[in-house]
Amino acid sequence: MPTTVLIHLSGEDPVLGEIEEIPAPGDTTVTVNNPRRRDGKDLPYIDGNVVTVVWPMHRVTFVEILPTAEEEELIGFVRE
C-alpha cells in the first residue's frame, strides 16, 4: 500500500508524492510516484507527464510521513 510523504529536498520546495516503502537508513535513493507540489500543481523542473522520479538520498533533507484518512479518523481532537 503506498504511503503519502512530503519530501524536503536541498534547495527546493517540498515534494508531495507516494512511496511503496519507507526508505531504510542504508538506502541510496528514494523512488516517488506522482510527484507534485504541496498544492497539487506540477513541479516546474519535471516534465508534466512524468509519474515516477528517483532522487538520490544525499539531496533529501528529511521525509514527512503523512497520515492516511483512516488514521485521522482513529485519532481525533480531544478536549478535556
N, C-alpha and C. Protein backbone atom coordinates (compact mmCIF):
# COMPACT_ATOMS: atom_id res chain seq x y z
N MET A 1 0.83 -1.17 0.00
CA MET A 1 0.00 0.00 0.00
C MET A 1 0.89 1.24 0.00
N PRO A 2 0.70 2.15 -0.94
CA PRO A 2 1.55 3.34 -1.00
C PRO A 2 1.35 4.25 0.22
N THR A 3 2.43 4.90 0.60
CA THR A 3 2.41 5.83 1.72
C THR A 3 2.62 7.23 1.16
N THR A 4 1.78 8.19 1.55
CA THR A 4 1.92 9.56 1.10
C THR A 4 2.96 10.25 1.97
N VAL A 5 3.92 10.91 1.31
CA VAL A 5 5.01 11.57 2.02
C VAL A 5 5.23 12.97 1.47
N LEU A 6 5.86 13.78 2.28
CA LEU A 6 6.30 15.11 1.89
C LEU A 6 7.81 15.08 2.00
N ILE A 7 8.49 15.15 0.86
CA ILE A 7 9.94 15.04 0.82
C ILE A 7 10.54 16.43 0.68
N HIS A 8 11.45 16.75 1.59
CA HIS A 8 12.13 18.04 1.57
C HIS A 8 13.49 17.85 0.91
N LEU A 9 13.68 18.49 -0.24
CA LEU A 9 14.92 18.39 -0.99
C LEU A 9 15.78 19.62 -0.71
N SER A 10 17.09 19.47 -0.76
CA SER A 10 18.01 20.58 -0.53
C SER A 10 17.80 21.66 -1.58
N GLY A 11 17.48 22.86 -1.15
CA GLY A 11 17.35 24.00 -2.05
C GLY A 11 16.09 24.02 -2.89
N GLU A 12 15.12 23.19 -2.63
CA GLU A 12 13.88 23.11 -3.41
C GLU A 12 12.68 23.16 -2.49
N ASP A 13 11.51 23.43 -3.08
CA ASP A 13 10.26 23.35 -2.32
C ASP A 13 9.96 21.88 -2.03
N PRO A 14 9.21 21.59 -0.97
CA PRO A 14 8.87 20.20 -0.66
C PRO A 14 8.07 19.55 -1.78
N VAL A 15 8.24 18.24 -1.92
CA VAL A 15 7.57 17.46 -2.95
C VAL A 15 6.63 16.48 -2.27
N LEU A 16 5.37 16.49 -2.70
CA LEU A 16 4.37 15.57 -2.20
C LEU A 16 4.29 14.40 -3.17
N GLY A 17 4.19 13.18 -2.66
CA GLY A 17 4.11 12.02 -3.52
C GLY A 17 3.84 10.76 -2.71
N GLU A 18 3.84 9.65 -3.42
CA GLU A 18 3.61 8.35 -2.77
C GLU A 18 4.86 7.49 -2.95
N ILE A 19 5.18 6.73 -1.91
CA ILE A 19 6.28 5.77 -1.98
C ILE A 19 5.75 4.41 -1.56
N GLU A 20 6.36 3.35 -2.09
CA GLU A 20 5.95 1.99 -1.74
C GLU A 20 6.50 1.55 -0.40
N GLU A 21 7.75 1.95 -0.11
CA GLU A 21 8.39 1.59 1.16
C GLU A 21 9.08 2.81 1.74
N ILE A 22 9.06 2.92 3.05
CA ILE A 22 9.78 3.99 3.72
C ILE A 22 11.27 3.71 3.57
N PRO A 23 12.06 4.70 3.17
CA PRO A 23 13.49 4.47 2.97
C PRO A 23 14.18 3.98 4.24
N ALA A 24 15.03 2.99 4.07
CA ALA A 24 15.83 2.46 5.18
C ALA A 24 17.08 3.32 5.34
N PRO A 25 17.73 3.26 6.50
CA PRO A 25 18.94 4.07 6.71
C PRO A 25 20.04 3.84 5.68
N GLY A 26 20.13 2.66 5.11
CA GLY A 26 21.19 2.36 4.16
C GLY A 26 20.83 2.62 2.70
N ASP A 27 19.62 3.06 2.42
CA ASP A 27 19.20 3.30 1.03
C ASP A 27 19.95 4.49 0.43
N THR A 28 20.25 4.41 -0.86
CA THR A 28 20.94 5.50 -1.54
C THR A 28 20.01 6.32 -2.42
N THR A 29 18.79 5.81 -2.67
CA THR A 29 17.82 6.54 -3.48
C THR A 29 16.43 6.42 -2.86
N VAL A 30 15.54 7.32 -3.27
CA VAL A 30 14.13 7.24 -2.89
C VAL A 30 13.32 7.38 -4.18
N THR A 31 12.37 6.46 -4.38
CA THR A 31 11.52 6.45 -5.57
C THR A 31 10.16 7.00 -5.19
N VAL A 32 9.75 8.06 -5.88
CA VAL A 32 8.49 8.75 -5.58
C VAL A 32 7.57 8.65 -6.78
N ASN A 33 6.34 8.18 -6.54
CA ASN A 33 5.31 8.12 -7.57
C ASN A 33 4.43 9.36 -7.48
N ASN A 34 3.99 9.86 -8.63
CA ASN A 34 3.10 11.01 -8.71
C ASN A 34 3.66 12.22 -7.96
N PRO A 35 4.89 12.65 -8.29
CA PRO A 35 5.47 13.80 -7.60
C PRO A 35 4.74 15.09 -7.99
N ARG A 36 4.48 15.95 -6.98
CA ARG A 36 3.79 17.20 -7.23
C ARG A 36 4.12 18.16 -6.09
N ARG A 37 3.77 19.43 -6.29
CA ARG A 37 3.95 20.40 -5.22
C ARG A 37 2.91 20.16 -4.15
N ARG A 38 3.08 20.79 -3.02
CA ARG A 38 2.16 20.62 -1.90
C ARG A 38 0.72 21.00 -2.27
N ASP A 39 0.56 21.98 -3.17
CA ASP A 39 -0.78 22.41 -3.59
C ASP A 39 -1.34 21.57 -4.74
N GLY A 40 -0.63 20.52 -5.16
CA GLY A 40 -1.12 19.62 -6.19
C GLY A 40 -0.68 19.97 -7.60
N LYS A 41 -0.01 21.09 -7.79
CA LYS A 41 0.44 21.51 -9.12
C LYS A 41 1.70 20.75 -9.51
N ASP A 42 1.98 20.74 -10.83
CA ASP A 42 3.17 20.06 -11.34
C ASP A 42 4.43 20.78 -10.87
N LEU A 43 5.50 20.01 -10.72
CA LEU A 43 6.80 20.58 -10.37
C LEU A 43 7.38 21.25 -11.62
N PRO A 44 7.90 22.46 -11.51
CA PRO A 44 8.38 23.17 -12.70
C PRO A 44 9.61 22.55 -13.36
N TYR A 45 10.40 21.80 -12.62
CA TYR A 45 11.63 21.22 -13.15
C TYR A 45 11.46 19.77 -13.62
N ILE A 46 10.23 19.25 -13.60
CA ILE A 46 9.96 17.90 -14.08
C ILE A 46 8.89 17.99 -15.16
N ASP A 47 9.05 17.22 -16.23
CA ASP A 47 8.08 17.18 -17.31
C ASP A 47 6.71 16.78 -16.77
N GLY A 48 5.65 17.33 -17.33
CA GLY A 48 4.30 17.13 -16.84
C GLY A 48 3.78 15.71 -16.89
N ASN A 49 4.31 14.87 -17.80
CA ASN A 49 3.80 13.51 -17.92
C ASN A 49 4.63 12.47 -17.14
N VAL A 50 5.57 12.91 -16.32
CA VAL A 50 6.39 12.01 -15.51
C VAL A 50 5.56 11.51 -14.32
N VAL A 51 5.58 10.19 -14.09
CA VAL A 51 4.81 9.62 -12.99
C VAL A 51 5.70 9.07 -11.87
N THR A 52 6.97 8.81 -12.14
CA THR A 52 7.89 8.28 -11.13
C THR A 52 9.24 8.98 -11.23
N VAL A 53 9.77 9.37 -10.08
CA VAL A 53 11.07 10.04 -10.02
C VAL A 53 11.92 9.32 -8.99
N VAL A 54 13.22 9.18 -9.26
CA VAL A 54 14.17 8.59 -8.32
C VAL A 54 15.17 9.68 -7.94
N TRP A 55 15.18 10.06 -6.65
CA TRP A 55 16.12 11.06 -6.16
C TRP A 55 17.19 10.38 -5.32
N PRO A 56 18.45 10.84 -5.44
CA PRO A 56 19.48 10.32 -4.55
C PRO A 56 19.26 10.84 -3.13
N MET A 57 19.53 10.03 -2.14
CA MET A 57 19.27 10.40 -0.76
C MET A 57 20.12 11.58 -0.29
N HIS A 58 21.25 11.84 -0.94
CA HIS A 58 22.06 12.99 -0.50
C HIS A 58 21.37 14.31 -0.81
N ARG A 59 20.34 14.31 -1.67
CA ARG A 59 19.55 15.51 -1.95
C ARG A 59 18.39 15.68 -0.98
N VAL A 60 18.03 14.62 -0.25
CA VAL A 60 16.88 14.64 0.64
C VAL A 60 17.31 15.12 2.03
N THR A 61 16.65 16.19 2.51
CA THR A 61 16.95 16.69 3.85
C THR A 61 16.21 15.85 4.89
N PHE A 62 14.89 15.69 4.69
CA PHE A 62 14.11 14.80 5.55
C PHE A 62 12.80 14.46 4.87
N VAL A 63 12.11 13.44 5.39
CA VAL A 63 10.87 12.93 4.82
C VAL A 63 9.79 12.98 5.90
N GLU A 64 8.65 13.61 5.57
CA GLU A 64 7.50 13.62 6.47
C GLU A 64 6.51 12.56 5.99
N ILE A 65 6.08 11.69 6.87
CA ILE A 65 5.10 10.66 6.53
C ILE A 65 3.73 11.19 6.94
N LEU A 66 2.85 11.39 5.96
CA LEU A 66 1.54 11.96 6.21
C LEU A 66 0.54 10.88 6.61
N PRO A 67 -0.38 11.20 7.52
CA PRO A 67 -1.37 10.20 7.94
C PRO A 67 -2.39 9.93 6.84
N THR A 68 -2.90 8.72 6.84
CA THR A 68 -3.96 8.37 5.89
C THR A 68 -5.29 8.83 6.46
N ALA A 69 -6.35 8.79 5.66
CA ALA A 69 -7.68 9.20 6.12
C ALA A 69 -8.16 8.30 7.26
N GLU A 70 -7.83 7.01 7.20
CA GLU A 70 -8.24 6.08 8.25
C GLU A 70 -7.56 6.42 9.58
N GLU A 71 -6.28 6.79 9.53
CA GLU A 71 -5.56 7.14 10.75
C GLU A 71 -6.11 8.42 11.36
N GLU A 72 -6.52 9.37 10.52
CA GLU A 72 -7.07 10.62 11.03
C GLU A 72 -8.40 10.38 11.73
N GLU A 73 -9.17 9.41 11.28
CA GLU A 73 -10.44 9.10 11.92
C GLU A 73 -10.23 8.44 13.28
N LEU A 74 -9.18 7.65 13.43
CA LEU A 74 -8.92 6.96 14.68
C LEU A 74 -8.50 7.92 15.79
N ILE A 75 -7.66 8.87 15.44
CA ILE A 75 -7.17 9.82 16.44
C ILE A 75 -7.76 11.19 16.09
N GLY A 76 -8.65 11.64 16.90
CA GLY A 76 -9.28 12.93 16.66
C GLY A 76 -8.90 13.93 17.73
N PHE A 77 -9.45 15.08 17.63
CA PHE A 77 -9.19 16.13 18.61
C PHE A 77 -9.84 15.77 19.94
N VAL A 78 -9.07 15.86 20.99
CA VAL A 78 -9.57 15.52 22.32
C VAL A 78 -9.52 16.78 23.17
N ARG A 79 -10.65 17.09 23.78
CA ARG A 79 -10.69 18.26 24.63
C ARG A 79 -11.06 17.84 26.04
N GLU A 80 -10.28 18.26 26.97
CA GLU A 80 -10.52 17.89 28.36
C GLU A 80 -11.28 18.97 29.08
